[in-house]
Protein backbone atom coordinates (compact mmCIF):
# COMPACT_ATOMS: atom_id res chain seq x y z
CA UNK A 1 76.60 47.36 96.00
CA UNK A 2 79.07 45.26 93.83
CA UNK A 3 76.53 43.18 91.93
CA UNK A 4 78.74 42.46 88.58
CA UNK A 5 75.45 42.25 86.34
CA UNK A 6 73.87 45.53 87.95
CA UNK A 7 76.45 47.86 89.44
CA UNK A 8 78.54 48.60 86.64
CA UNK A 9 80.37 52.17 86.79
CA UNK A 10 81.19 53.61 83.40
CA UNK A 11 84.64 55.12 83.51
CA UNK A 12 83.65 57.93 80.94
CA UNK A 13 80.54 59.05 82.86
CA UNK A 14 82.50 59.23 86.15
CA UNK A 15 84.81 61.76 84.37
CA UNK A 16 82.01 63.92 82.84
CA UNK A 17 81.00 67.28 84.23
CA UNK A 18 78.00 67.84 86.15
CA UNK A 19 75.07 69.71 84.16
CA UNK A 20 75.79 73.53 83.88
CA UNK A 21 79.86 72.80 84.60
CA UNK A 22 82.80 72.32 82.77
CA UNK A 23 86.22 70.87 83.61
CA UNK A 24 88.78 73.14 85.11
CA UNK A 25 91.35 71.10 85.88
CA UNK A 26 92.00 67.33 86.83
CA UNK A 27 95.01 65.40 88.53
CA UNK A 28 94.95 61.27 88.23
CA UNK A 29 97.43 58.74 89.73
CA UNK A 30 98.07 55.49 88.06
CA UNK A 31 100.77 52.53 88.21
CA UNK A 32 100.64 52.34 84.24
CA UNK A 33 99.23 54.05 81.42
CA UNK A 34 98.02 53.36 78.25
CA UNK A 35 98.65 56.28 75.59
CA UNK A 36 95.32 55.33 73.72
CA UNK A 37 93.41 55.25 76.77
CA UNK A 38 94.70 58.69 78.11
CA UNK A 39 93.68 60.03 74.41
CA UNK A 40 90.43 59.06 75.01
CA UNK A 41 89.81 60.57 78.29
CA UNK A 42 89.66 64.01 77.30
CA UNK A 43 86.86 63.33 75.38
CA UNK A 44 84.78 62.64 78.82
CA UNK A 45 86.60 65.29 80.69
CA UNK A 46 85.98 68.07 78.07
CA UNK A 47 83.15 66.91 75.77
CA UNK A 48 80.93 65.27 78.61
CA UNK A 49 80.67 61.94 76.80
CA UNK A 50 81.55 58.46 77.27
CA UNK A 51 84.42 56.84 75.72
CA UNK A 52 82.74 54.56 73.54
CA UNK A 53 83.18 54.88 69.73
CA UNK A 54 86.12 54.81 67.44
CA UNK A 55 88.63 57.08 69.55
CA UNK A 56 91.79 55.78 67.28
CA UNK A 57 93.76 57.86 64.69
CA UNK A 58 94.50 61.21 64.52
CA UNK A 59 91.13 63.03 65.11
CA UNK A 60 90.02 66.64 65.48
CA UNK A 61 88.02 65.73 68.42
CA UNK A 62 91.02 64.23 70.18
CA UNK A 63 93.07 67.02 69.20
CA UNK A 64 90.74 69.70 70.71
CA UNK A 65 89.98 67.81 73.76
CA UNK A 66 93.69 67.53 74.43
CA UNK A 67 94.29 71.17 73.47
CA UNK A 68 91.58 72.35 76.09
CA UNK A 69 93.38 70.40 78.72
CA UNK A 70 96.73 72.25 78.21
CA UNK A 71 98.34 72.44 81.55
CA UNK A 72 95.17 71.61 83.18
CA UNK A 73 95.64 67.58 83.47
CA UNK A 74 98.33 65.99 85.40
CA UNK A 75 98.81 62.01 85.63
CA UNK A 76 101.40 60.87 87.96
CA UNK A 77 102.42 57.48 86.98
CA UNK A 78 105.31 54.97 87.79
CA UNK A 79 108.13 55.79 85.39
CA UNK A 80 108.58 53.27 82.69
CA UNK A 81 105.16 51.99 83.04
CA UNK A 82 103.70 53.32 79.79
CA UNK A 83 102.25 50.22 77.37
CA UNK A 84 103.62 49.84 74.03
CA UNK A 85 100.44 51.17 71.62
CA UNK A 86 99.61 49.08 68.87
CA UNK A 87 100.23 52.12 66.10
CA UNK A 88 101.94 55.14 66.53
CA UNK A 89 99.72 58.56 66.89
CA UNK A 90 101.00 62.26 66.40
CA UNK A 91 98.72 63.15 69.11
CA UNK A 92 100.85 61.01 71.39
CA UNK A 93 103.17 63.95 71.75
CA UNK A 94 100.57 66.15 72.87
CA UNK A 95 100.01 64.02 75.97
CA UNK A 96 103.88 64.56 77.04
CA UNK A 97 103.36 67.65 79.01
CA UNK A 98 100.28 65.62 81.08
CA UNK A 99 102.40 62.79 82.51
CA UNK A 100 104.80 63.09 85.30
CA UNK A 101 106.73 59.93 86.15
CA UNK A 102 107.42 58.83 89.50
CA UNK A 103 110.59 56.64 90.47
CA UNK A 104 109.91 54.47 93.49
CA UNK A 105 112.43 54.28 96.46
CA UNK A 106 113.24 50.75 95.60
CA UNK A 107 113.62 48.14 93.00
CA UNK A 108 110.77 46.05 94.83
CA UNK A 109 108.69 48.93 95.68
CA UNK A 110 105.83 50.42 93.59
CA UNK A 111 104.15 53.90 92.89
CA UNK A 112 100.50 52.05 92.61
CA UNK A 113 97.99 54.54 93.84
CA UNK A 114 94.58 54.69 91.42
CA UNK A 115 92.63 57.91 91.87
CA UNK A 116 91.35 60.91 90.17
CA UNK A 117 90.60 64.37 91.81
CA UNK A 118 88.74 66.71 89.40
CA UNK A 119 87.66 70.49 89.82
CA UNK A 120 84.72 71.61 87.91
CA UNK A 121 83.62 75.27 87.12
CA UNK A 122 80.12 76.46 86.29
CA UNK A 123 79.74 77.90 82.74
CA UNK A 124 77.41 80.61 83.76
CA UNK A 125 77.82 83.14 86.53
CA UNK A 126 74.47 82.75 87.86
CA UNK A 127 75.02 78.98 88.61
CA UNK A 128 75.82 78.05 92.16
CA UNK A 129 77.83 76.63 93.40
CA UNK A 130 80.80 78.28 91.19
CA UNK A 131 83.20 75.12 92.11
CA UNK A 132 82.42 71.38 92.18
CA UNK A 133 84.97 68.51 92.91
CA UNK A 134 84.86 64.63 92.51
CA UNK A 135 87.22 61.99 93.88
CA UNK A 136 87.31 58.88 92.33
CA UNK A 137 89.33 55.92 93.65
CA UNK A 138 89.67 52.72 91.69
CA UNK A 139 91.55 49.57 91.55
CA UNK A 140 92.16 50.12 87.76
CA UNK A 141 94.97 51.52 85.95
CA UNK A 142 94.89 53.92 83.10
CA UNK A 143 94.79 51.06 80.56
CA UNK A 144 92.39 49.28 78.19
CA UNK A 145 92.48 46.39 80.63
CA UNK A 146 89.09 44.30 80.73
CA UNK A 147 89.66 42.99 84.22
CA UNK A 148 86.90 43.13 86.91
CA UNK A 149 87.69 46.20 89.04
CA UNK A 150 86.10 48.21 91.73
CA UNK A 151 85.79 52.17 91.90
CA UNK A 152 84.14 54.81 94.08
CA UNK A 153 83.06 57.92 93.14
CA UNK A 154 82.15 60.63 95.47
CA UNK A 155 80.86 64.43 94.82
CA UNK A 156 82.85 67.19 96.89
CA UNK A 157 81.17 70.22 97.91
CA UNK A 158 83.64 73.42 98.77
CA UNK A 159 82.79 75.04 102.11
CA UNK A 160 84.16 77.89 103.75
CA UNK A 161 85.74 76.21 106.59
CA UNK A 162 88.04 73.12 106.55
CA UNK A 163 86.33 69.62 106.81
CA UNK A 164 86.79 68.68 110.33
CA UNK A 165 85.05 65.33 109.83
CA UNK A 166 88.01 63.64 108.13
CA UNK A 167 90.19 62.67 110.82
CA UNK A 168 92.93 61.74 108.32
CA UNK A 169 94.73 64.58 106.78
CA UNK A 170 97.81 62.77 105.52
CA UNK A 171 96.35 62.06 102.13
CA UNK A 172 96.05 65.88 101.65
CA UNK A 173 99.63 66.17 102.49
CA UNK A 174 100.64 63.54 100.16
CA UNK A 175 98.58 65.31 97.33
CA UNK A 176 99.84 68.57 97.99
CA UNK A 177 103.40 67.03 97.59
CA UNK A 178 102.75 65.77 94.26
CA UNK A 179 101.16 69.12 93.23
CA UNK A 180 104.25 70.83 94.57
CA UNK A 181 106.41 68.84 92.47
CA UNK A 182 104.80 69.33 89.38
CA UNK A 183 105.43 73.43 89.00
CA UNK A 184 104.02 73.66 85.31
CA UNK A 185 100.75 72.43 86.60
CA UNK A 186 98.65 75.90 86.50
CA UNK A 187 95.77 74.89 88.73
CA UNK A 188 97.80 73.48 91.75
CA UNK A 189 97.40 76.56 93.70
CA UNK A 190 93.68 76.25 93.48
CA UNK A 191 93.66 72.77 94.55
CA UNK A 192 96.18 73.24 97.52
CA UNK A 193 94.01 76.53 98.66
CA UNK A 194 90.57 74.36 98.57
CA UNK A 195 91.52 70.87 99.28
CA UNK A 196 90.92 71.00 102.98
CA UNK A 197 87.46 72.77 102.58
CA UNK A 198 85.88 69.86 100.40
CA UNK A 199 83.35 68.11 101.97
CA UNK A 200 82.82 64.37 100.36
CA UNK A 201 79.34 62.71 100.02
CA UNK A 202 78.86 59.56 101.88
CA UNK A 203 77.89 56.87 98.93
CA UNK A 204 74.66 55.02 98.85
CA UNK A 205 74.37 52.19 101.55
CA UNK A 206 77.05 53.81 103.72
CA UNK A 207 76.50 56.11 106.70
CA UNK A 208 79.73 57.56 107.67
CA UNK A 209 82.09 60.11 106.26
CA UNK A 210 84.57 58.54 103.91
CA UNK A 211 88.10 58.63 104.84
CA UNK A 212 91.22 58.51 102.34
CA UNK A 213 94.19 56.49 103.46
CA UNK A 214 97.54 56.59 101.69
CA UNK A 215 99.98 53.57 102.16
CA UNK A 216 104.02 54.24 102.08
CA UNK A 217 106.96 53.64 103.96
CA UNK A 218 105.46 55.61 107.26
CA UNK A 219 101.89 54.74 106.90
CA UNK A 220 99.41 51.70 106.49
CA UNK A 221 96.59 52.12 103.85
CA UNK A 222 94.35 50.17 106.13
CA UNK A 223 92.63 50.93 109.52
CA UNK A 224 90.55 48.66 110.91
CA UNK A 225 87.96 49.91 113.64
CA UNK A 226 88.16 46.64 115.45
CA UNK A 227 91.13 43.93 116.08
CA UNK A 228 88.72 41.19 116.88
CA UNK A 229 86.27 41.15 113.98
CA UNK A 230 83.38 38.39 113.23
CA UNK A 231 83.97 38.36 109.75
CA UNK A 232 86.50 39.23 107.30
CA UNK A 233 86.38 39.22 103.34
CA UNK A 234 89.41 39.80 101.20
CA UNK A 235 89.38 40.24 97.50
CA UNK A 236 92.77 40.71 95.87
CA UNK A 237 94.05 39.20 92.40
CA UNK A 238 97.63 38.94 94.03
CA UNK A 239 98.44 37.01 97.24
CA UNK A 240 101.40 36.72 99.57
CA UNK A 241 101.44 34.32 102.55
CA UNK A 242 102.82 36.88 105.26
CA UNK A 243 100.12 39.55 104.07
CA UNK A 244 97.16 36.68 104.61
CA UNK A 245 98.61 35.92 107.84
CA UNK A 246 98.71 39.37 109.02
CA UNK A 247 94.91 40.07 107.83
CA UNK A 248 94.02 36.63 109.67
CA UNK A 249 94.88 38.38 113.03
CA UNK A 250 92.00 41.01 112.52
CA UNK A 251 89.35 37.96 112.74
CA UNK A 252 91.22 35.41 114.72
CA UNK A 253 87.97 33.66 115.74
CA UNK A 254 85.69 34.87 112.62
CA UNK A 255 84.96 33.77 109.54
CA UNK A 256 87.57 34.65 106.78
CA UNK A 257 86.89 34.77 103.11
CA UNK A 258 89.13 35.22 100.36
CA UNK A 259 88.47 35.80 96.65
CA UNK A 260 91.44 35.64 94.26
CA UNK A 261 92.64 34.35 90.81
CA UNK A 262 93.12 30.57 90.50
CA UNK A 263 96.78 30.95 89.67
CA UNK A 264 97.55 32.84 92.72
CA UNK A 265 95.43 30.42 95.10
CA UNK A 266 97.48 27.92 93.44
CA UNK A 267 100.80 29.39 94.50
CA UNK A 268 99.79 28.86 98.15
CA UNK A 269 99.45 25.45 99.78
CA UNK A 270 96.60 24.19 101.45
CA UNK A 271 98.43 24.72 105.08
CA UNK A 272 99.12 28.33 104.08
CA UNK A 273 95.47 29.16 102.98
CA UNK A 274 94.15 27.36 106.20
CA UNK A 275 91.48 29.16 107.90
CA UNK A 276 90.19 30.77 104.49
CA UNK A 277 87.40 29.87 102.55
CA UNK A 278 88.57 30.44 99.15
CA UNK A 279 87.01 31.46 96.10
CA UNK A 280 88.47 31.76 92.54
CA UNK A 281 87.05 33.83 89.70
CA UNK A 282 85.27 31.94 87.46
CA UNK A 283 87.31 30.56 84.39
CA UNK A 284 84.18 30.78 82.02
CA UNK A 285 83.96 34.47 83.19
CA UNK A 286 87.61 35.03 82.43
CA UNK A 287 87.88 33.77 79.08
CA UNK A 288 84.28 34.87 78.00
CA UNK A 289 84.01 35.99 74.20
CA UNK A 290 84.23 39.73 74.17
CA UNK A 291 81.16 40.05 72.06
CA UNK A 292 79.29 38.52 75.26
CA UNK A 293 80.17 41.54 77.54
CA UNK A 294 81.07 44.48 75.16
CA UNK A 295 81.21 45.83 71.77
CA UNK A 296 84.21 44.52 70.00
CA UNK A 297 87.29 46.43 70.08
CA UNK A 298 90.79 45.49 68.76
CA UNK A 299 92.18 47.69 71.51
CA UNK A 300 91.15 45.19 73.93
CA UNK A 301 90.52 41.93 71.69
CA UNK A 302 91.88 38.78 73.27
CA UNK A 303 92.74 40.23 76.73
CA UNK A 304 90.80 38.10 79.39
CA UNK A 305 88.05 39.22 82.07
CA UNK A 306 90.28 38.53 84.90
CA UNK A 307 90.18 39.75 88.61
CA UNK A 308 91.90 42.96 89.18
CA UNK A 309 89.56 44.35 92.34
CA UNK A 310 91.06 45.00 95.53
CA UNK A 311 88.54 45.15 98.51
CA UNK A 312 88.66 44.27 102.10
CA UNK A 313 85.54 44.29 104.15
CA UNK A 314 85.42 43.49 107.84
CA UNK A 315 82.38 43.11 110.12
CA UNK A 316 82.13 43.64 114.17
CA UNK A 317 78.79 42.83 115.13
CA UNK A 318 76.27 44.83 113.08
CA UNK A 319 79.07 47.46 111.74
CA UNK A 320 81.02 46.89 108.68
CA UNK A 321 83.96 48.54 107.37
CA UNK A 322 85.00 48.78 103.69
CA UNK A 323 88.68 49.53 102.36
CA UNK A 324 88.74 49.78 98.76
CA UNK A 325 91.17 50.72 96.19
CA UNK A 326 94.60 49.88 94.97
CA UNK A 327 96.29 47.87 97.43
CA UNK A 328 96.56 44.27 96.76
CA UNK A 329 96.86 41.53 99.79
CA UNK A 330 100.81 41.33 99.75
CA UNK A 331 103.54 42.47 101.78
CA UNK A 332 104.39 45.44 99.25
CA UNK A 333 101.16 46.78 99.50
CA UNK A 334 100.09 46.26 103.08
CA UNK A 335 103.27 45.68 105.08
CA UNK A 336 103.56 42.74 107.68
CA UNK A 337 105.39 41.88 110.68
CA UNK A 338 105.25 45.24 112.11
CA UNK A 339 106.83 46.78 108.85
CA UNK A 340 105.24 49.26 106.78
CA UNK A 341 104.36 48.82 103.05
CA UNK A 342 106.86 49.18 100.26
CA UNK A 343 104.64 50.36 98.00
CA UNK A 344 102.72 53.62 97.67
CA UNK A 345 98.84 52.77 97.81
CA UNK A 346 95.56 54.67 98.03
CA UNK A 347 92.41 53.23 99.73
CA UNK A 348 89.15 54.69 100.85
CA UNK A 349 87.47 53.59 104.00
CA UNK A 350 83.74 53.47 104.29
CA UNK A 351 81.38 52.06 107.12
CA UNK A 352 78.09 50.94 107.07
CA UNK A 353 75.32 48.49 108.43
CA UNK A 354 75.74 44.88 107.68
CA UNK A 355 72.28 44.16 106.45
CA UNK A 356 73.27 46.67 103.43
CA UNK A 357 76.97 46.09 103.03
CA UNK A 358 77.99 43.26 104.99
CA UNK A 359 80.20 40.29 103.69
CA UNK A 360 77.06 38.08 103.24
CA UNK A 361 75.31 40.65 101.02
CA UNK A 362 78.63 40.35 98.65
CA UNK A 363 78.82 36.72 98.94
CA UNK A 364 75.33 36.37 97.80
CA UNK A 365 75.94 38.58 94.88
CA UNK A 366 79.28 36.85 93.70
CA UNK A 367 78.56 33.22 94.39
CA UNK A 368 74.97 32.85 94.92
CA UNK A 369 73.10 31.24 97.80
CA UNK A 370 73.68 27.76 96.27
CA UNK A 371 77.31 28.47 95.19
CA UNK A 372 76.65 27.42 91.75
CA UNK A 373 79.22 27.13 88.75
CA UNK A 374 77.41 30.16 87.02
CA UNK A 375 78.31 32.95 89.69
CA UNK A 376 81.30 35.30 89.22
CA UNK A 377 83.44 33.24 91.48
CA UNK A 378 83.60 29.46 92.22
CA UNK A 379 84.57 27.63 95.22
CA UNK A 380 88.32 26.90 95.35
CA UNK A 381 89.65 23.85 96.70
CA UNK A 382 93.44 24.13 98.09
CA UNK A 383 96.17 21.94 96.57
CA UNK A 384 98.69 20.11 98.83
CA UNK A 385 101.53 21.78 97.45
CA UNK A 386 102.18 25.34 96.20
CA UNK A 387 102.84 25.89 92.49
CA UNK A 388 105.16 28.76 91.98
CA UNK A 389 104.96 29.74 88.00
CA UNK A 390 107.12 32.48 88.61
CA UNK A 391 110.14 32.87 85.95
CA UNK A 392 113.52 32.49 87.75
CA UNK A 393 114.77 35.84 86.52
CA UNK A 394 111.65 38.01 87.68
CA UNK A 395 113.47 39.25 90.68
CA UNK A 396 116.78 40.10 88.18
CA UNK A 397 114.24 41.79 85.89
CA UNK A 398 112.63 44.05 88.30
CA UNK A 399 116.25 45.24 89.50
CA UNK A 400 117.19 45.85 85.92
CA UNK A 401 114.09 47.92 85.15
CA UNK A 402 114.50 49.83 88.34
CA UNK A 403 118.08 50.80 87.37
CA UNK A 404 116.91 51.83 83.95
CA UNK A 405 114.05 54.09 85.34
CA UNK A 406 116.57 55.30 88.09
CA UNK A 407 118.70 56.89 85.40
CA UNK A 408 118.70 60.02 83.78
CA UNK A 409 117.47 59.98 80.18
CA UNK A 410 117.92 63.09 77.97
CA UNK A 411 116.89 63.65 74.49
CA UNK A 412 117.82 66.29 71.97
CA UNK A 413 116.02 67.04 68.48
CA UNK A 414 118.77 68.80 66.58
CA UNK A 415 117.09 70.71 63.64
CA UNK A 416 118.89 70.25 60.12
CA UNK A 417 119.23 73.48 58.02
CA UNK A 418 119.22 71.53 54.90
CA UNK A 419 115.95 70.06 55.10
CA UNK A 420 113.82 70.61 58.17
CA UNK A 421 114.36 67.35 59.77
CA UNK A 422 115.77 66.45 62.81
CA UNK A 423 118.87 64.28 64.41
CA UNK A 424 117.94 63.05 67.73
CA UNK A 425 120.61 62.50 70.13
CA UNK A 426 119.79 60.32 73.20
CA UNK A 427 122.09 60.04 76.27
CA UNK A 428 121.63 57.74 79.49
CA UNK A 429 123.25 58.73 82.50
CA UNK A 430 123.66 56.34 85.45
CA UNK A 431 122.96 53.03 83.92
CA UNK A 432 125.71 50.61 83.99
CA UNK A 433 125.06 47.52 81.76
CA UNK A 434 127.94 45.44 82.93
CA UNK A 435 126.41 45.07 86.39
CA UNK A 436 123.76 42.85 84.62
CA UNK A 437 125.18 39.76 83.07
CA UNK A 438 123.22 37.76 80.40
CA UNK A 439 121.07 40.80 79.85
CA UNK A 440 120.35 42.58 76.27
CA UNK A 441 118.64 46.01 76.13
CA UNK A 442 117.44 47.61 72.82
CA UNK A 443 116.36 51.15 72.46
CA UNK A 444 114.16 52.33 69.70
CA UNK A 445 111.72 55.37 68.74
CA UNK A 446 108.20 55.21 69.33
CA UNK A 447 107.18 56.42 65.80
CA UNK A 448 109.56 54.22 63.55
CA UNK A 449 111.40 51.86 65.73
CA UNK A 450 115.05 51.47 64.35
CA UNK A 451 116.31 49.60 67.63
CA UNK A 452 119.73 50.21 69.03
CA UNK A 453 121.75 48.24 71.78
CA UNK A 454 121.52 50.45 74.74
CA UNK A 455 124.94 52.79 75.22
CA UNK A 456 125.57 55.90 76.79
CA UNK A 457 124.58 57.87 73.57
CA UNK A 458 122.54 56.70 70.69
CA UNK A 459 121.79 58.46 67.53
CA UNK A 460 118.98 58.58 65.10
CA UNK A 461 118.98 60.89 61.65
CA UNK A 462 116.53 61.82 59.08
CA UNK A 463 113.37 62.40 61.67
CA UNK A 464 110.62 64.40 60.74
CA UNK A 465 109.04 66.54 63.25
CA UNK A 466 105.77 64.30 63.09
CA UNK A 467 108.21 61.50 64.50
CA UNK A 468 109.86 63.38 67.36
CA UNK A 469 108.58 62.09 70.81
CA UNK A 470 109.71 61.89 74.33
CA UNK A 471 108.30 58.40 74.80
CA UNK A 472 111.24 55.81 74.31
CA UNK A 473 110.49 51.91 74.00
CA UNK A 474 112.88 50.02 75.85
CA UNK A 475 112.96 45.96 75.05
CA UNK A 476 114.71 44.21 78.08
CA UNK A 477 115.60 40.40 77.69
CA UNK A 478 116.97 38.45 80.40
CA UNK A 479 118.53 34.80 79.44
CA UNK A 480 118.70 32.06 81.85
CA UNK A 481 119.88 28.43 80.89
CA UNK A 482 117.13 26.04 80.45
CA UNK A 483 114.30 28.48 80.54
CA UNK A 484 112.59 30.68 78.28
CA UNK A 485 113.89 34.05 77.78
CA UNK A 486 112.12 36.50 80.15
CA UNK A 487 111.41 39.80 77.80
CA UNK A 488 110.02 43.06 79.45
CA UNK A 489 108.88 46.11 77.35
CA UNK A 490 109.57 49.59 79.31
CA UNK A 491 108.53 52.98 77.84
CA UNK A 492 110.76 55.81 79.30
CA UNK A 493 109.56 59.21 78.91
CA UNK A 494 112.65 61.26 78.27
CA UNK A 495 113.56 64.92 78.76
CA UNK A 496 113.17 65.90 75.32
CA UNK A 497 114.66 69.15 74.04
CA UNK A 498 113.54 70.40 70.58
CA UNK A 499 115.67 72.84 68.89
CA UNK A 500 114.10 75.77 67.46
CA UNK A 501 110.80 75.26 69.99
CA UNK A 502 108.02 72.81 70.06
CA UNK A 503 105.62 73.15 67.19
CA UNK A 504 104.18 69.30 66.94
CA UNK A 505 100.75 70.48 68.06
CA UNK A 506 100.70 73.16 65.39
CA UNK A 507 101.97 70.54 62.75
CA UNK A 508 99.30 68.40 63.71
CA UNK A 509 96.47 71.03 63.55
CA UNK A 510 97.54 72.20 60.09
CA UNK A 511 97.48 68.21 59.00
CA UNK A 512 93.97 67.79 60.12
CA UNK A 513 92.25 71.44 59.29
CA UNK A 514 93.78 72.04 55.79
CA UNK A 515 91.19 73.83 53.88
CA UNK A 516 88.68 76.86 54.47
CA UNK A 517 85.57 74.64 54.57
CA UNK A 518 87.24 72.52 57.38
CA UNK A 519 87.81 75.64 59.40
CA UNK A 520 84.11 76.72 59.27
CA UNK A 521 82.90 73.25 60.21
CA UNK A 522 85.58 73.39 63.11
CA UNK A 523 84.19 76.63 64.25
CA UNK A 524 80.68 75.45 63.84
CA UNK A 525 81.72 72.35 66.35
CA UNK A 526 83.26 74.40 68.80
CA UNK A 527 79.92 76.70 69.01
CA UNK A 528 77.73 73.75 70.31
CA UNK A 529 76.95 74.20 73.89
CA UNK A 530 76.34 70.45 74.09
CA UNK A 531 79.34 68.82 71.97
CA UNK A 532 78.01 66.11 69.79
CA UNK A 533 80.80 63.52 69.99
CA UNK A 534 79.33 61.68 66.80
CA UNK A 535 79.94 64.86 64.58
CA UNK A 536 83.19 65.58 66.16
CA UNK A 537 84.44 61.91 65.53
CA UNK A 538 82.94 62.25 62.02
CA UNK A 539 84.93 65.31 61.13
CA UNK A 540 87.70 63.72 59.03
CA UNK A 541 84.94 61.79 57.09
CA UNK A 542 82.62 64.76 56.54
CA UNK A 543 81.87 66.09 52.96
CA UNK A 544 82.81 69.50 52.99
CA UNK A 545 81.56 70.80 49.54
CA UNK A 546 78.39 72.34 50.83
CA UNK A 547 79.70 75.28 52.77
CA UNK A 548 78.93 78.68 51.57
CA UNK A 549 81.91 80.60 51.35
CA UNK A 550 80.73 83.29 48.65
CA UNK A 551 79.72 86.91 49.33
CA UNK A 552 76.42 85.98 50.98
CA UNK A 553 78.64 84.61 53.90
CA UNK A 554 77.49 87.29 56.32
CA UNK A 555 73.43 86.53 55.87
CA UNK A 556 73.32 82.74 55.09
CA UNK A 557 76.25 81.09 56.86
CA UNK A 558 74.95 78.81 59.92
CA UNK A 559 78.44 80.03 61.55
CA UNK A 560 77.15 83.67 61.72
CA UNK A 561 73.65 82.50 63.28
CA UNK A 562 75.79 80.35 65.76
CA UNK A 563 77.76 83.17 66.79
CA UNK A 564 74.78 85.53 67.15
CA UNK A 565 73.10 83.02 69.34
CA UNK A 566 76.37 82.44 71.33
CA UNK A 567 77.15 85.83 71.98
CA UNK A 568 73.42 86.28 73.29
CA UNK A 569 72.84 83.04 75.30
CA UNK A 570 76.39 81.43 76.06
CA UNK A 571 79.26 83.92 75.87
CA UNK A 572 81.57 81.60 76.96
CA UNK A 573 81.55 79.84 73.66
CA UNK A 574 82.97 82.75 72.17
CA UNK A 575 85.94 81.95 74.35
CA UNK A 576 86.59 78.76 72.54
CA UNK A 577 86.69 80.57 69.05
CA UNK A 578 89.17 83.14 70.44
CA UNK A 579 91.49 80.08 71.74
CA UNK A 580 91.11 78.46 68.16
CA UNK A 581 92.05 81.85 66.53
CA UNK A 582 95.19 82.18 68.63
CA UNK A 583 96.33 78.59 67.85
CA UNK A 584 95.55 79.21 64.08
CA UNK A 585 97.96 82.21 64.13
CA UNK A 586 100.65 80.29 66.24
CA UNK A 587 100.23 77.49 63.60
CA UNK A 588 100.37 79.87 60.72
CA UNK A 589 96.67 79.00 59.39
CA UNK A 590 95.12 81.53 57.75
CA UNK A 591 91.26 82.17 58.40
CA UNK A 592 88.80 82.37 55.82
CA UNK A 593 88.60 86.45 54.81
CA UNK A 594 84.80 86.38 55.46
CA UNK A 595 85.09 84.90 58.87
CA UNK A 596 88.06 87.09 59.97
CA UNK A 597 86.05 90.33 59.11
CA UNK A 598 82.90 88.59 60.93
CA UNK A 599 84.94 87.85 64.00
CA UNK A 600 86.67 91.02 64.45
CA UNK A 601 82.84 92.32 65.60
CA UNK A 602 82.01 89.31 67.72
CA UNK A 603 85.57 89.04 69.57
CA UNK A 604 84.77 92.24 71.35
CA UNK A 605 81.98 90.05 73.03
CA UNK A 606 84.46 87.45 74.52
CA UNK A 607 84.02 87.52 78.38
CA UNK A 608 87.36 88.41 80.07
CA UNK A 609 86.77 85.26 82.40
């Protein structure tokens, strides 16, 4: 269930491949993306490890994991919603091909679904089944946020016949449309062919086939089995009166519970909250010291443990229905007054018995039998008047940001013959600044800043290849008389063209693996059947003075022994070395002579698939 002290889900663990399998491909959707978080994801996907540890900086482990995901990972997100990182990392440039920006239809619409669809393949031919799937639906974005979220992870079995139990097939069409839009995503054909034949497991506590609903301008993200429920429990960090009124109609005479943030409840009057038993997330929990709940991490230090979970639970007699996923209890997410939603959302519907998964079970876990002050949620007393704390320029800011992301951003890196550096030319087509009064917009470069006022064409000179990035930070300031300025940071992923070709990955590789000893240690790490994350992350701090690179290499080298073992027991490991050798040649990195001779013999043992 959802007991906050027991039912904790480790994000990294859910991304890991099952034993005996490896990642083949993955797609994800998110409203927003944090680049440092996205850098850490490949560690779980490729190395079968959790996301703990110091994953910051330009590390070989991150480079290797991202390289393995080349054209195998695609993240669809709302254009502009990339968080400004604390520090620039050259490896950010390697994430550019993984990201696919989506522009919503309107200024007040959002691309808001949060899910993962992952395909794993068996490491050995004798392992059955050859393919496994995993589907994860969340309320959390791909960020370092510390808020309380919910998630469901489902294992999928690929069968010969289509899944007839899944009555709703629109989500398959929606996924197919995303895949078709990303033509450089090589595994899309396998996904398109196999998706209808995946049969999803039913999570513990529930007893019906999971159903996935996509909400958009033509479809609702919710499908209640009954319109006259005995109980309704709504959990949402953001609220609107119209959406609550609409939800209330599904339990007009039943008990209704509302869980949210205090500031959102404050924005509604007691009349607007009439008929709801309201609970706010405990302020003591929101402002808890980081050390009390998780190890210190500067990436999340100072961020509150606020509510971000989205869950709607309805009960009719002994039957209970859950909707869990990305949709808030707002007009934009759910639609209301017979209007379809403005947002694109994803929700999972599960059904079960009231004794196991009913609202009363959640109430006991979240507020306790006595509703004391130590629970995750505490009773909220509605105010006589609503308190709207929104900045008066909020709507104007949203319109400006939409115009920015709806424009065409083209960036060229022009190679300078005299010093191998680049001049950056950025053009923006479709945005008209004079349409927005009292607004200041500055555009800078992710690696080195140097902000410039937004105009049709901008220029930066003397840029090293390591500083070239498609990601462009944009600072928008709206000035309102008598109010503090409203400031928002937007990160635009431009269409980047690098004269002479994109060799940024090769430059990072040369920087990290800059000696024979490091090359041999890199090879040794690649030959681990169970990658040791601690060794990978310690690569940059290793003492490389003890490796034997003299004439006794063949007989005494641990790499030689590892190659023998790999050829005999796990030939797929040799494929990793073959890929590494290809990347080294592309980057102009020379292999140690002894290893090159050794590899010429083992290369013949590399499996064809």
